[in-house]
PDB file of N, CA and C in Angstrom:
ATOM      1  N   UNK A   1     100.293  70.254  90.840  1.00  0.00           N
ATOM      2  CA  UNK A   1     100.093  71.152  91.729  1.00  0.00           C
ATOM      3  C   UNK A   1      99.928  72.866  90.994  1.00  0.00           C
ATOM      4  N   UNK A   2      98.856  72.790  91.434  1.00  0.00           N
ATOM      5  CA  UNK A   2      98.209  74.492  91.008  1.00  0.00           C
ATOM      6  C   UNK A   2      98.992  75.580  91.701  1.00  0.00           C
ATOM      7  N   UNK A   3      99.608  76.689  91.143  1.00  0.00           N
ATOM      8  CA  UNK A   3     100.550  77.364  92.037  1.00  0.00           C
ATOM      9  C   UNK A   3      99.825  78.841  92.249  1.00  0.00           C
ATOM     10  N   UNK A   4      99.892  78.890  93.771  1.00  0.00           N
ATOM     11  CA  UNK A   4      98.822  79.742  94.449  1.00  0.00           C
ATOM     12  C   UNK A   4      98.863  80.979  93.404  1.00  0.00           C
ATOM     13  N   UNK A   5      97.911  82.264  93.462  1.00  0.00           N
ATOM     14  CA  UNK A   5      98.038  83.251  92.781  1.00  0.00           C
ATOM     15  C   UNK A   5      97.710  84.826  93.876  1.00  0.00           C
ATOM     16  N   UNK A   6      98.584  85.101  93.570  1.00  0.00           N
ATOM     17  CA  UNK A   6      98.752  86.449  94.941  1.00  0.00           C
ATOM     18  C   UNK A   6      98.866  87.626  93.765  1.00  0.00           C
ATOM     19  N   UNK A   7      97.514  88.575  94.591  1.00  0.00           N
ATOM     20  CA  UNK A   7      97.476  89.503  93.395  1.00  0.00           C
ATOM     21  C   UNK A   7      97.961  90.585  94.207  1.00  0.00           C
ATOM     22  N   UNK A   8      99.006  91.629  94.001  1.00  0.00           N
ATOM     23  CA  UNK A   8      99.730  92.433  94.487  1.00  0.00           C
ATOM     24  C   UNK A   8      99.168  93.958  93.995  1.00  0.00           C
ATOM     25  N   UNK A   9     100.247  95.193  94.364  1.00  0.00           N
ATOM     26  CA  UNK A   9      99.769  96.038  94.061  1.00  0.00           C
ATOM     27  C   UNK A   9     101.178  97.332  94.019  1.00  0.00           C
ATOM     28  N   UNK A  10     101.762  97.735  93.113  1.00  0.00           N
ATOM     29  CA  UNK A  10     102.468  98.452  93.852  1.00  0.00           C
ATOM     30  C   UNK A  10     102.813  99.640  93.268  1.00  0.00           C
ATOM     31  N   UNK A  11     103.522 101.020  93.462  1.00  0.00           N
ATOM     32  CA  UNK A  11     103.173 102.230  93.463  1.00  0.00           C
ATOM     33  C   UNK A  11     104.696 102.499  92.914  1.00  0.00           C
ATOM     34  N   UNK A  12     104.899 103.545  91.203  1.00  0.00           N
ATOM     35  CA  UNK A  12     106.039 103.971  91.152  1.00  0.00           C
ATOM     36  C   UNK A  12     105.764 105.487  91.519  1.00  0.00           C
ATOM     37  N   UNK A  13     106.438 105.596  92.813  1.00  0.00           N
ATOM     38  CA  UNK A  13     106.320 107.156  93.284  1.00  0.00           C
ATOM     39  C   UNK A  13     107.057 107.826  92.584  1.00  0.00           C
ATOM     40  N   UNK A  14     106.935 108.808  92.378  1.00  0.00           N
ATOM     41  CA  UNK A  14     107.501 110.439  91.319  1.00  0.00           C
ATOM     42  C   UNK A  14     107.641 111.626  91.971  1.00  0.00           C
ATOM     43  N   UNK A  15     108.830 111.988  91.986  1.00  0.00           N
ATOM     44  CA  UNK A  15     109.254 113.385  92.940  1.00  0.00           C
ATOM     45  C   UNK A  15     110.456 114.386  91.700  1.00  0.00           C
ATOM     46  N   UNK A  16     109.977 114.777  91.053  1.00  0.00           N
ATOM     47  CA  UNK A  16     110.897 115.760  90.474  1.00  0.00           C
ATOM     48  C   UNK A  16     111.648 114.964  89.383  1.00  0.00           C
ATOM     49  N   UNK A  17     110.930 113.735  88.873  1.00  0.00           N
ATOM     50  CA  UNK A  17     111.314 113.456  87.917  1.00  0.00           C
ATOM     51  C   UNK A  17     112.394 112.360  88.049  1.00  0.00           C
ATOM     52  N   UNK A  18     111.961 112.055  88.997  1.00  0.00           N
ATOM     53  CA  UNK A  18     112.772 111.041  89.617  1.00  0.00           C
ATOM     54  C   UNK A  18     111.758 109.729  90.559  1.00  0.00           C
ATOM     55  N   UNK A  19     112.286 108.473  90.387  1.00  0.00           N
ATOM     56  CA  UNK A  19     111.149 107.216  90.772  1.00  0.00           C
ATOM     57  C   UNK A  19     111.782 107.211  91.782  1.00  0.00           C
ATOM     58  N   UNK A  20     110.832 106.177  93.216  1.00  0.00           N
ATOM     59  CA  UNK A  20     111.113 106.161  94.060  1.00  0.00           C
ATOM     60  C   UNK A  20     111.404 104.195  93.931  1.00  0.00           C
ATOM     61  N   UNK A  21     112.348 103.463  94.363  1.00  0.00           N
ATOM     62  CA  UNK A  21     112.946 102.653  94.329  1.00  0.00           C
ATOM     63  C   UNK A  21     112.999 102.082  95.445  1.00  0.00           C
ATOM     64  N   UNK A  22     112.376 100.442  96.029  1.00  0.00           N
ATOM     65  CA  UNK A  22     112.917 100.176  97.729  1.00  0.00           C
ATOM     66  C   UNK A  22     113.911  99.000  97.389  1.00  0.00           C
ATOM     67  N   UNK A  23     114.640  98.460  98.538  1.00  0.00           N
ATOM     68  CA  UNK A  23     115.250  97.225  98.252  1.00  0.00           C
ATOM     69  C   UNK A  23     114.430  96.653  98.746  1.00  0.00           C
ATOM     70  N   UNK A  24     114.291  95.306  99.113  1.00  0.00           N
ATOM     71  CA  UNK A  24     113.843  94.120  99.732  1.00  0.00           C
ATOM     72  C   UNK A  24     115.219  93.380 100.567  1.00  0.00           C
ATOM     73  N   UNK A  25     114.420  93.389 101.913  1.00  0.00           N
ATOM     74  CA  UNK A  25     115.584  93.184 103.122  1.00  0.00           C
ATOM     75  C   UNK A  25     116.474  91.500 102.734  1.00  0.00           C
ATOM     76  N   UNK A  26     117.507  91.208 103.032  1.00  0.00           N
ATOM     77  CA  UNK A  26     117.828  90.218 102.577  1.00  0.00           C
ATOM     78  C   UNK A  26     117.406  89.041 102.986  1.00  0.00           C
ATOM     79  N   UNK A  27     116.546  89.261 104.293  1.00  0.00           N
ATOM     80  CA  UNK A  27     116.080  87.882 105.180  1.00  0.00           C
ATOM     81  C   UNK A  27     114.779  87.309 104.825  1.00  0.00           C
ATOM     82  N   UNK A  28     113.898  88.329 103.716  1.00  0.00           N
ATOM     83  CA  UNK A  28     113.040  87.674 103.080  1.00  0.00           C
ATOM     84  C   UNK A  28     113.138  87.240 101.604  1.00  0.00           C
ATOM     85  N   UNK A  29     111.709  87.046 101.270  1.00  0.00           N
ATOM     86  CA  UNK A  29     111.806  86.064  99.623  1.00  0.00           C
ATOM     87  C   UNK A  29     112.243  86.816  99.011  1.00  0.00           C
ATOM     88  N   UNK A  30     113.303  86.662  98.005  1.00  0.00           N
ATOM     89  CA  UNK A  30     113.562  87.688  97.139  1.00  0.00           C
ATOM     90  C   UNK A  30     114.653  88.804  97.538  1.00  0.00           C
ATOM     91  N   UNK A  31     115.016  88.278  98.177  1.00  0.00           N
ATOM     92  CA  UNK A  31     115.383  89.777  99.281  1.00  0.00           C
ATOM     93  C   UNK A  31     117.145  89.724  98.348  1.00  0.00           C
ATOM     94  N   UNK A  32     116.540  91.324  99.071  1.00  0.00           N
ATOM     95  CA  UNK A  32     118.410  91.586  97.837  1.00  0.00           C
ATOM     96  C   UNK A  32     117.731  92.604  96.618  1.00  0.00           C
ATOM     97  N   UNK A  33     116.655  91.783  96.235  1.00  0.00           N
ATOM     98  CA  UNK A  33     116.163  92.303  94.657  1.00  0.00           C
ATOM     99  C   UNK A  33     115.817  93.951  94.947  1.00  0.00           C
ATOM    100  N   UNK A  34     115.034  94.930  94.129  1.00  0.00           N
ATOM    101  CA  UNK A  34     114.838  95.644  93.655  1.00  0.00           C
ATOM    102  C   UNK A  34     113.592  96.125  93.529  1.00  0.00           C
ATOM    103  N   UNK A  35     112.639  96.496  94.307  1.00  0.00           N
ATOM    104  CA  UNK A  35     110.912  96.516  93.780  1.00  0.00           C
ATOM    105  C   UNK A  35     110.590  98.380  93.547  1.00  0.00           C
ATOM    106  N   UNK A  36     109.623  98.143  93.254  1.00  0.00           N
ATOM    107  CA  UNK A  36     108.662  99.327  93.771  1.00  0.00           C
ATOM    108  C   UNK A  36     107.357  98.845  95.222  1.00  0.00           C
ATOM    109  N   UNK A  37     107.508  99.736  95.892  1.00  0.00           N
ATOM    110  CA  UNK A  37     107.225  99.565  97.144  1.00  0.00           C
ATOM    111  C   UNK A  37     105.433  99.067  96.794  1.00  0.00           C
ATOM    112  N   UNK A  38     104.706  98.450  97.797  1.00  0.00           N
ATOM    113  CA  UNK A  38     103.504  97.990  97.506  1.00  0.00           C
ATOM    114  C   UNK A  38     103.190  96.604  98.292  1.00  0.00           C
ATOM    115  N   UNK A  39     102.033  95.503  98.199  1.00  0.00           N
ATOM    116  CA  UNK A  39     102.199  94.842  99.168  1.00  0.00           C
ATOM    117  C   UNK A  39     100.621  94.202  98.108  1.00  0.00           C
ATOM    118  N   UNK A  40      99.897  93.181  99.100  1.00  0.00           N
ATOM    119  CA  UNK A  40      99.147  92.582  98.570  1.00  0.00           C
ATOM    120  C   UNK A  40      97.620  92.534  98.910  1.00  0.00           C
ATOM    121  N   UNK A  41      96.563  92.674  97.921  1.00  0.00           N
ATOM    122  CA  UNK A  41      95.508  92.850  98.128  1.00  0.00           C
ATOM    123  C   UNK A  41      94.929  92.156  99.213  1.00  0.00           C
ATOM    124  N   UNK A  42      93.624  93.124 100.334  1.00  0.00           N
ATOM    125  CA  UNK A  42      92.732  92.367 101.490  1.00  0.00           C
ATOM    126  C   UNK A  42      91.706  91.894 100.577  1.00  0.00           C
ATOM    127  N   UNK A  43      91.367  91.059 100.408  1.00  0.00           N
ATOM    128  CA  UNK A  43      89.948  90.429 100.127  1.00  0.00           C
ATOM    129  C   UNK A  43      88.977  91.666 100.298  1.00  0.00           C
ATOM    130  N   UNK A  44      88.178  92.187  98.765  1.00  0.00           N
ATOM    131  CA  UNK A  44      87.117  92.888  99.205  1.00  0.00           C
ATOM    132  C   UNK A  44      87.774  94.727  98.717  1.00  0.00           C
ATOM    133  N   UNK A  45      89.069  94.655  98.840  1.00  0.00           N
ATOM    134  CA  UNK A  45      89.961  95.957  98.522  1.00  0.00           C
ATOM    135  C   UNK A  45      90.028  95.933  96.848  1.00  0.00           C
ATOM    136  N   UNK A  46      89.852  97.233  96.388  1.00  0.00           N
ATOM    137  CA  UNK A  46      90.348  98.095  95.140  1.00  0.00           C
ATOM    138  C   UNK A  46      91.966  98.242  95.380  1.00  0.00           C
ATOM    139  N   UNK A  47      92.436  97.465  94.087  1.00  0.00           N
ATOM    140  CA  UNK A  47      93.789  97.875  93.901  1.00  0.00           C
ATOM    141  C   UNK A  47      94.499  99.510  94.789  1.00  0.00           C
ATOM    142  N   UNK A  48      93.192 100.397  93.965  1.00  0.00           N
ATOM    143  CA  UNK A  48      93.708 101.622  94.132  1.00  0.00           C
ATOM    144  C   UNK A  48      94.054 101.858  96.234  1.00  0.00           C
ATOM    145  N   UNK A  49      92.782 101.397  96.612  1.00  0.00           N
ATOM    146  CA  UNK A  49      92.801 101.219  98.218  1.00  0.00           C
ATOM    147  C   UNK A  49      93.743 100.486  98.918  1.00  0.00           C
ATOM    148  N   UNK A  50      94.522  99.442  98.743  1.00  0.00           N
ATOM    149  CA  UNK A  50      95.540  98.230  98.691  1.00  0.00           C
ATOM    150  C   UNK A  50      97.042  99.134  98.894  1.00  0.00           C
ATOM    151  N   UNK A  51      97.014 100.096  97.476  1.00  0.00           N
ATOM    152  CA  UNK A  51      97.983 100.429  97.122  1.00  0.00           C
ATOM    153  C   UNK A  51      98.182 101.953  98.529  1.00  0.00           C
ATOM    154  N   UNK A  52      97.476 102.565  98.677  1.00  0.00           N
ATOM    155  CA  UNK A  52      96.861 104.001  98.826  1.00  0.00           C
ATOM    156  C   UNK A  52      97.565 103.074 101.083  1.00  0.00           C
ATOM    157  N   UNK A  53      96.843 102.235 101.566  1.00  0.00           N
ATOM    158  CA  UNK A  53      97.005 100.946 102.545  1.00  0.00           C
ATOM    159  C   UNK A  53      98.741 100.888 102.774  1.00  0.00           C
ATOM    160  N   UNK A  54      98.682 100.578 101.800  1.00  0.00           N
ATOM    161  CA  UNK A  54     100.475  99.531 101.804  1.00  0.00           C
ATOM    162  C   UNK A  54     101.264 100.310 102.070  1.00  0.00           C
ATOM    163  N   UNK A  55     101.127 101.676 101.141  1.00  0.00           N
ATOM    164  CA  UNK A  55     102.608 102.494 101.381  1.00  0.00           C
ATOM    165  C   UNK A  55     102.466 103.031 102.874  1.00  0.00           C
ATOM    166  N   UNK A  56     101.391 103.497 103.162  1.00  0.00           N
ATOM    167  CA  UNK A  56     100.815 103.970 104.391  1.00  0.00           C
ATOM    168  C   UNK A  56     101.469 102.993 105.515  1.00  0.00           C
ATOM    169  N   UNK A  57     101.802 101.377 105.743  1.00  0.00           N
ATOM    170  CA  UNK A  57     102.115 100.859 106.049  1.00  0.00           C
ATOM    171  C   UNK A  57     103.471 100.597 106.158  1.00  0.00           C
ATOM    172  N   UNK A  58     103.944 100.467 105.241  1.00  0.00           N
ATOM    173  CA  UNK A  58     105.508 100.054 104.549  1.00  0.00           C
ATOM    174  C   UNK A  58     106.424 100.883 104.954  1.00  0.00           C
ATOM    175  N   UNK A  59     105.925 102.486 104.152  1.00  0.00           N
ATOM    176  CA  UNK A  59     106.730 103.630 104.117  1.00  0.00           C
ATOM    177  C   UNK A  59     106.627 104.815 105.397  1.00  0.00           C
ATOM    178  N   UNK A  60     105.122 104.945 105.316  1.00  0.00           N
ATOM    179  CA  UNK A  60     104.517 105.488 107.092  1.00  0.00           C
ATOM    180  C   UNK A  60     104.076 106.860 106.050  1.00  0.00           C
ATOM    181  N   UNK A  61     104.037 106.638 104.626  1.00  0.00           N
ATOM    182  CA  UNK A  61     103.831 108.298 103.721  1.00  0.00           C
ATOM    183  C   UNK A  61     102.453 107.817 103.105  1.00  0.00           C
ATOM    184  N   UNK A  62     102.179 108.927 103.004  1.00  0.00           N
ATOM    185  CA  UNK A  62     100.358 108.955 101.916  1.00  0.00           C
ATOM    186  C   UNK A  62     100.936 109.656 100.751  1.00  0.00           C
ATOM    187  N   UNK A  63     100.243 108.812  99.557  1.00  0.00           N
ATOM    188  CA  UNK A  63     100.670 108.921  98.365  1.00  0.00           C
ATOM    189  C   UNK A  63      99.127 109.007  97.285  1.00  0.00           C
ATOM    190  N   UNK A  64      99.215 109.625  96.547  1.00  0.00           N
ATOM    191  CA  UNK A  64      97.937 110.074  95.901  1.00  0.00           C
ATOM    192  C   UNK A  64      98.322 109.254  94.085  1.00  0.00           C
ATOM    193  N   UNK A  65      97.808 108.831  94.035  1.00  0.00           N
ATOM    194  CA  UNK A  65      97.913 107.439  92.187  1.00  0.00           C
ATOM    195  C   UNK A  65      97.284 108.353  91.660  1.00  0.00           C
ATOM    196  N   UNK A  66      98.426 108.669  90.181  1.00  0.00           N
ATOM    197  CA  UNK A  66      98.092 109.720  89.095  1.00  0.00           C
ATOM    198  C   UNK A  66      97.466 108.758  87.895  1.00  0.00           C
ATOM    199  N   UNK A  67      98.082 107.194  87.901  1.00  0.00           N
ATOM    200  CA  UNK A  67      97.390 106.538  85.979  1.00  0.00           C
ATOM    201  C   UNK A  67      98.534 105.402  86.741  1.00  0.00           C
ATOM    202  N   UNK A  68      97.619 104.226  85.937  1.00  0.00           N
ATOM    203  CA  UNK A  68      97.952 102.733  85.904  1.00  0.00           C
ATOM    204  C   UNK A  68      99.169 102.998  84.864  1.00  0.00           C
ATOM    205  N   UNK A  69      99.917 101.892  85.134  1.00  0.00           N
ATOM    206  CA  UNK A  69     100.920 101.340  84.064  1.00  0.00           C
ATOM    207  C   UNK A  69     100.954 100.208  83.873  1.00  0.00           C
ATOM    208  N   UNK A  70     100.891  99.404  84.070  1.00  0.00           N
ATOM    209  CA  UNK A  70     100.406  97.383  83.597  1.00  0.00           C
ATOM    210  C   UNK A  70     100.071  97.152  84.765  1.00  0.00           C
ATOM    211  N   UNK A  71     100.259  95.704  84.274  1.00  0.00           N
ATOM    212  CA  UNK A  71      99.579  94.549  84.878  1.00  0.00           C
ATOM    213  C   UNK A  71     100.260  93.527  84.586  1.00  0.00           C
ATOM    214  N   UNK A  72     101.839  92.578  85.420  1.00  0.00           N
ATOM    215  CA  UNK A  72     102.372  92.049  84.876  1.00  0.00           C
ATOM    216  C   UNK A  72     102.428  90.806  85.632  1.00  0.00           C
ATOM    217  N   UNK A  73     102.954  89.772  85.500  1.00  0.00           N
ATOM    218  CA  UNK A  73     102.490  88.267  86.683  1.00  0.00           C
ATOM    219  C   UNK A  73     103.568  87.340  86.199  1.00  0.00           C
ATOM    220  N   UNK A  74     104.424  86.862  87.161  1.00  0.00           N
ATOM    221  CA  UNK A  74     105.654  86.443  87.236  1.00  0.00           C
ATOM    222  C   UNK A  74     105.400  84.714  88.426  1.00  0.00           C
ATOM    223  N   UNK A  75     105.891  83.699  87.811  1.00  0.00           N
ATOM    224  CA  UNK A  75     105.848  82.276  88.781  1.00  0.00           C
ATOM    225  C   UNK A  75     107.340  82.012  89.371  1.00  0.00           C
ATOM    226  N   UNK A  76     106.728  82.351  90.712  1.00  0.00           N
ATOM    227  CA  UNK A  76     108.075  82.163  91.633  1.00  0.00           C
ATOM    228  C   UNK A  76     108.080  80.928  92.157  1.00  0.00           C
ATOM    229  N   UNK A  77     109.072  80.469  92.288  1.00  0.00           N
ATOM    230  CA  UNK A  77     108.367  79.470  93.581  1.00  0.00           C
ATOM    231  C   UNK A  77     107.528  78.819  94.167  1.00  0.00           C
ATOM    232  N   UNK A  78     107.404  80.123  94.947  1.00  0.00           N
ATOM    233  CA  UNK A  78     106.044  80.109  96.374  1.00  0.00           C
ATOM    234  C   UNK A  78     104.463  80.230  95.401  1.00  0.00           C
ATOM    235  N   UNK A  79     104.569  80.239  94.257  1.00  0.00           N
ATOM    236  CA  UNK A  79     103.178  80.958  93.715  1.00  0.00           C
ATOM    237  C   UNK A  79     103.495  81.938  92.499  1.00  0.00           C
ATOM    238  N   UNK A  80     102.279  82.409  91.892  1.00  0.00           N
ATOM    239  CA  UNK A  80     102.299  83.804  90.858  1.00  0.00           C
ATOM    240  C   UNK A  80     102.012  84.863  91.533  1.00  0.00           C
ATOM    241  N   UNK A  81     102.605  85.703  91.231  1.00  0.00           N
ATOM    242  CA  UNK A  81     102.500  86.544  91.085  1.00  0.00           C
ATOM    243  C   UNK A  81     102.043  87.595  90.465  1.00  0.00           C
ATOM    244  N   UNK A  82     100.573  87.955  90.510  1.00  0.00           N
ATOM    245  CA  UNK A  82      99.582  89.414  89.515  1.00  0.00           C
ATOM    246  C   UNK A  82     100.004  90.586  90.255  1.00  0.00           C
ATOM    247  N   UNK A  83     101.030  91.443  89.682  1.00  0.00           N
ATOM    248  CA  UNK A  83     101.464  92.878  89.872  1.00  0.00           C
ATOM    249  C   UNK A  83     100.736  93.929  89.171  1.00  0.00           C
ATOM    250  N   UNK A  84      99.566  95.018  89.712  1.00  0.00           N
ATOM    251  CA  UNK A  84      99.613  95.836  89.139  1.00  0.00           C
ATOM    252  C   UNK A  84     100.175  96.857  89.442  1.00  0.00           C
ATOM    253  N   UNK A  85     100.894  97.760  88.178  1.00  0.00           N
ATOM    254  CA  UNK A  85     101.660  99.065  89.213  1.00  0.00           C
ATOM    255  C   UNK A  85     101.111 100.388  88.216  1.00  0.00           C
ATOM    256  N   UNK A  86     100.674 101.096  89.493  1.00  0.00           N
ATOM    257  CA  UNK A  86     100.266 102.433  89.317  1.00  0.00           C
ATOM    258  C   UNK A  86     101.488 103.658  89.707  1.00  0.00           C
ATOM    259  N   UNK A  87     101.300 104.653  89.120  1.00  0.00           N
ATOM    260  CA  UNK A  87     101.756 105.966  88.942  1.00  0.00           C
ATOM    261  C   UNK A  87     101.677 106.854  90.071  1.00  0.00           C
ATOM    262  N   UNK A  88     102.495 107.382  90.826  1.00  0.00           N
ATOM    263  CA  UNK A  88     101.972 108.102  91.926  1.00  0.00           C
ATOM    264  C   UNK A  88     102.806 109.099  93.010  1.00  0.00           C
ATOM    265  N   UNK A  89     102.245 110.205  93.580  1.00  0.00           N
ATOM    266  CA  UNK A  89     103.466 110.526  93.935  1.00  0.00           C
ATOM    267  C   UNK A  89     103.038 110.824  95.640  1.00  0.00           C
ATOM    268  N   UNK A  90     103.927 111.897  96.063  1.00  0.00           N
ATOM    269  CA  UNK A  90     103.857 111.471  97.730  1.00  0.00           C
ATOM    270  C   UNK A  90     103.567 113.158  98.363  1.00  0.00           C
ATOM    271  N   UNK A  91     102.118 112.469  99.082  1.00  0.00           N
ATOM    272  CA  UNK A  91     101.344 113.981  99.602  1.00  0.00           C
ATOM    273  C   UNK A  91     101.704 114.387 100.593  1.00  0.00           C
ATOM    274  N   UNK A  92     102.259 113.195 101.682  1.00  0.00           N
ATOM    275  CA  UNK A  92     102.648 113.553 102.906  1.00  0.00           C
ATOM    276  C   UNK A  92     103.835 112.419 103.140  1.00  0.00           C
ATOM    277  N   UNK A  93     104.655 112.883 104.509  1.00  0.00           N
ATOM    278  CA  UNK A  93     105.814 111.447 104.773  1.00  0.00           C
ATOM    279  C   UNK A  93     106.865 111.524 104.431  1.00  0.00           C
ATOM    280  N   UNK A  94     107.876 111.399 104.604  1.00  0.00           N
ATOM    281  CA  UNK A  94     109.292 110.625 104.251  1.00  0.00           C
ATOM    282  C   UNK A  94     109.149 109.464 103.596  1.00  0.00           C
ATOM    283  N   UNK A  95     108.713 108.488 103.152  1.00  0.00           N
ATOM    284  CA  UNK A  95     108.993 107.034 102.455  1.00  0.00           C
ATOM    285  C   UNK A  95     109.899 106.596 103.729  1.00  0.00           C
ATOM    286  N   UNK A  96     109.673 106.414 104.936  1.00  0.00           N
ATOM    287  CA  UNK A  96     110.532 105.970 106.372  1.00  0.00           C
ATOM    288  C   UNK A  96     110.343 104.050 105.515  1.00  0.00           C
ATOM    289  N   UNK A  97     111.565 103.929 105.670  1.00  0.00           N
ATOM    290  CA  UNK A  97     111.777 102.463 105.393  1.00  0.00           C
ATOM    291  C   UNK A  97     111.389 101.669 106.789  1.00  0.00           C
ATOM    292  N   UNK A  98     109.897 101.315 106.473  1.00  0.00           N
ATOM    293  CA  UNK A  98     109.692 100.678 107.646  1.00  0.00           C
ATOM    294  C   UNK A  98     110.254  98.749 106.876  1.00  0.00           C
ATOM    295  N   UNK A  99     110.140  98.464 105.973  1.00  0.00           N
ATOM    296  CA  UNK A  99     110.380  96.922 105.790  1.00  0.00           C
ATOM    297  C   UNK A  99     111.447  96.895 104.580  1.00  0.00           C
ATOM    298  N   UNK A 100     112.042  97.958 103.905  1.00  0.00           N
ATOM    299  CA  UNK A 100     112.785  97.712 103.192  1.00  0.00           C
ATOM    300  C   UNK A 100     114.249  98.154 104.159  1.00  0.00           C
ATOM    301  N   UNK A 101     115.581  97.522 102.933  1.00  0.00           N
ATOM    302  CA  UNK A 101     116.707  97.525 103.437  1.00  0.00           C
ATOM    303  C   UNK A 101     117.461  99.273 103.151  1.00  0.00           C
ATOM    304  N   UNK A 102     116.664  99.330 102.160  1.00  0.00           N
ATOM    305  CA  UNK A 102     117.502 100.215 101.193  1.00  0.00           C
ATOM    306  C   UNK A 102     116.791 100.892 100.159  1.00  0.00           C
ATOM    307  N   UNK A 103     116.863 102.280  99.935  1.00  0.00           N
ATOM    308  CA  UNK A 103     115.612 102.923  98.791  1.00  0.00           C
ATOM    309  C   UNK A 103     116.785 103.912  97.981  1.00  0.00           C
ATOM    310  N   UNK A 104     116.187 104.030  97.010  1.00  0.00           N
ATOM    311  CA  UNK A 104     116.675 105.570  96.251  1.00  0.00           C
ATOM    312  C   UNK A 104     116.122 106.089  95.267  1.00  0.00           C
ATOM    313  N   UNK A 105     116.025 107.277  94.383  1.00  0.00           N
ATOM    314  CA  UNK A 105     115.376 107.835  93.658  1.00  0.00           C
ATOM    315  C   UNK A 105     116.368 107.876  92.266  1.00  0.00           C
ATOM    316  N   UNK A 106     115.779 107.222  91.657  1.00  0.00           N
ATOM    317  CA  UNK A 106     116.650 107.221  90.098  1.00  0.00           C
ATOM    318  C   UNK A 106     115.537 107.809  88.880  1.00  0.00           C
ATOM    319  N   UNK A 107     116.232 108.471  88.168  1.00  0.00           N
ATOM    320  CA  UNK A 107     116.037 109.069  86.637  1.00  0.00           C
ATOM    321  C   UNK A 107     115.858 107.621  86.266  1.00  0.00           C
ATOM    322  N   UNK A 108     114.204 107.838  85.462  1.00  0.00           N
ATOM    323  CA  UNK A 108     113.759 106.749  84.606  1.00  0.00           C
ATOM    324  C   UNK A 108     114.614 105.988  83.605  1.00  0.00           C
ATOM    325  N   UNK A 109     115.641 107.147  83.116  1.00  0.00           N
ATOM    326  CA  UNK A 109     116.570 105.749  82.360  1.00  0.00           C
ATOM    327  C   UNK A 109     117.472 105.453  82.545  1.00  0.00           C
ATOM    328  N   UNK A 110     117.787 105.879  84.808  1.00  0.00           N
ATOM    329  CA  UNK A 110     118.716 104.815  85.045  1.00  0.00           C
ATOM    330  C   UNK A 110     118.121 103.532  85.527  1.00  0.00           C
ATOM    331  N   UNK A 111     116.582 103.360  85.525  1.00  0.00           N
ATOM    332  CA  UNK A 111     115.989 102.259  86.199  1.00  0.00           C
ATOM    333  C   UNK A 111     116.407 100.889  85.818  1.00  0.00           C
ATOM    334  N   UNK A 112     117.216 100.806  85.121  1.00  0.00           N
ATOM    335  CA  UNK A 112     117.899  99.612  84.844  1.00  0.00           C
ATOM    336  C   UNK A 112     119.135  99.336  85.108  1.00  0.00           C
ATOM    337  N   UNK A 113     119.813 100.633  86.260  1.00  0.00           N
ATOM    338  CA  UNK A 113     121.139  99.919  86.871  1.00  0.00           C
ATOM    339  C   UNK A 113     120.659  98.957  87.832  1.00  0.00           C
ATOM    340  N   UNK A 114     119.656  99.291  88.570  1.00  0.00           N
ATOM    341  CA  UNK A 114     119.548  98.014  89.740  1.00  0.00           C
ATOM    342  C   UNK A 114     118.722  96.861  89.115  1.00  0.00           C
ATOM    343  N   UNK A 115     119.115  95.647  90.330  1.00  0.00           N
ATOM    344  CA  UNK A 115     118.650  94.831  89.882  1.00  0.00           C
ATOM    345  C   UNK A 115     116.972  94.287  90.469  1.00  0.00           C
ATOM    346  N   UNK A 116     116.286  94.498  89.614  1.00  0.00           N
ATOM    347  CA  UNK A 116     114.419  94.386  90.183  1.00  0.00           C
ATOM    348  C   UNK A 116     114.091  92.700  89.953  1.00  0.00           C
ATOM    349  N   UNK A 117     113.236  92.480  90.682  1.00  0.00           N
ATOM    350  CA  UNK A 117     112.627  91.966  90.844  1.00  0.00           C
ATOM    351  C   UNK A 117     112.189  91.194  89.493  1.00  0.00           C
ATOM    352  N   UNK A 118     111.574  90.121  89.406  1.00  0.00           N
ATOM    353  CA  UNK A 118     111.119  89.736  88.047  1.00  0.00           C
ATOM    354  C   UNK A 118     110.163  90.327  87.407  1.00  0.00           C
ATOM    355  N   UNK A 119     109.132  90.293  88.808  1.00  0.00           N
ATOM    356  CA  UNK A 119     107.535  91.126  88.360  1.00  0.00           C
ATOM    357  C   UNK A 119     107.863  92.389  88.367  1.00  0.00           C
ATOM    358  N   UNK A 120     108.614  93.082  88.705  1.00  0.00           N
ATOM    359  CA  UNK A 120     108.725  93.907  88.370  1.00  0.00           C
ATOM    360  C   UNK A 120     109.263  94.553  87.166  1.00  0.00           C
ATOM    361  N   UNK A 121     109.740  93.727  86.410  1.00  0.00           N
ATOM    362  CA  UNK A 121     110.934  94.112  85.516  1.00  0.00           C
ATOM    363  C   UNK A 121     109.911  94.370  84.225  1.00  0.00           C
ATOM    364  N   UNK A 122     109.003  94.471  84.047  1.00  0.00           N
ATOM    365  CA  UNK A 122     107.668  94.860  82.505  1.00  0.00           C
ATOM    366  C   UNK A 122     107.357  96.674  83.216  1.00  0.00           C
ATOM    367  N   UNK A 123     107.253  96.828  84.096  1.00  0.00           N
ATOM    368  CA  UNK A 123     106.983  97.972  84.282  1.00  0.00           C
ATOM    369  C   UNK A 123     108.161  98.559  84.258  1.00  0.00           C
ATOM    370  N   UNK A 124     109.150  98.369  85.109  1.00  0.00           N
ATOM    371  CA  UNK A 124     111.037  99.596  84.636  1.00  0.00           C
ATOM    372  C   UNK A 124     110.882  99.320  83.048  1.00  0.00           C
ATOM    373  N   UNK A 125     110.838  98.447  82.139  1.00  0.00           N
ATOM    374  CA  UNK A 125     110.990  98.696  80.697  1.00  0.00           C
ATOM    375  C   UNK A 125     110.234  99.747  80.438  1.00  0.00           C
ATOM    376  N   UNK A 126     108.391  99.534  80.802  1.00  0.00           N
ATOM    377  CA  UNK A 126     107.993 101.066  80.511  1.00  0.00           C
ATOM    378  C   UNK A 126     108.423 102.556  80.947  1.00  0.00           C
ATOM    379  N   UNK A 127     108.794 102.314  82.288  1.00  0.00           N
ATOM    380  CA  UNK A 127     108.623 104.232  82.918  1.00  0.00           C
ATOM    381  C   UNK A 127     110.133 103.899  82.448  1.00  0.00           C
ATOM    382  N   UNK A 128     111.398 103.529  81.980  1.00  0.00           N
ATOM    383  CA  UNK A 128     112.758 103.524  81.140  1.00  0.00           C
ATOM    384  C   UNK A 128     112.375 104.361  79.527  1.00  0.00           C
ATOM    385  N   UNK A 129     111.599 103.810  79.090  1.00  0.00           N
ATOM    386  CA  UNK A 129     111.401 104.502  77.960  1.00  0.00           C
ATOM    387  C   UNK A 129     111.365 106.152  77.651  1.00  0.00           C
TER     388      UNK A 129
END
């Protein structure tokens, strides 16, 4: 059986030298794991446009994308997630948790203290250095 490929984008939002981390709700897939917020690309969307829209929808906030970090993929039981992660900064809003159960601001060298979703781990590695 061919695995479904799911294209997603994520933002490592930085403020005052710390990075915003979001925890998935227990009742969703990958519940309780940590991730960089973001979501699926809609047909015809660029990754950057999708990311700005998703952060607006999930966190009621506006970001500015600063740079590209990496692309990673991971084979989950529900399909293969291919994720592009971008460095971003908060332009407006307070990162309200509309879809996550918890959040944390961590210095890059402390990112590995959280239990990350597998597809987020390569970006965590790069940001921790």
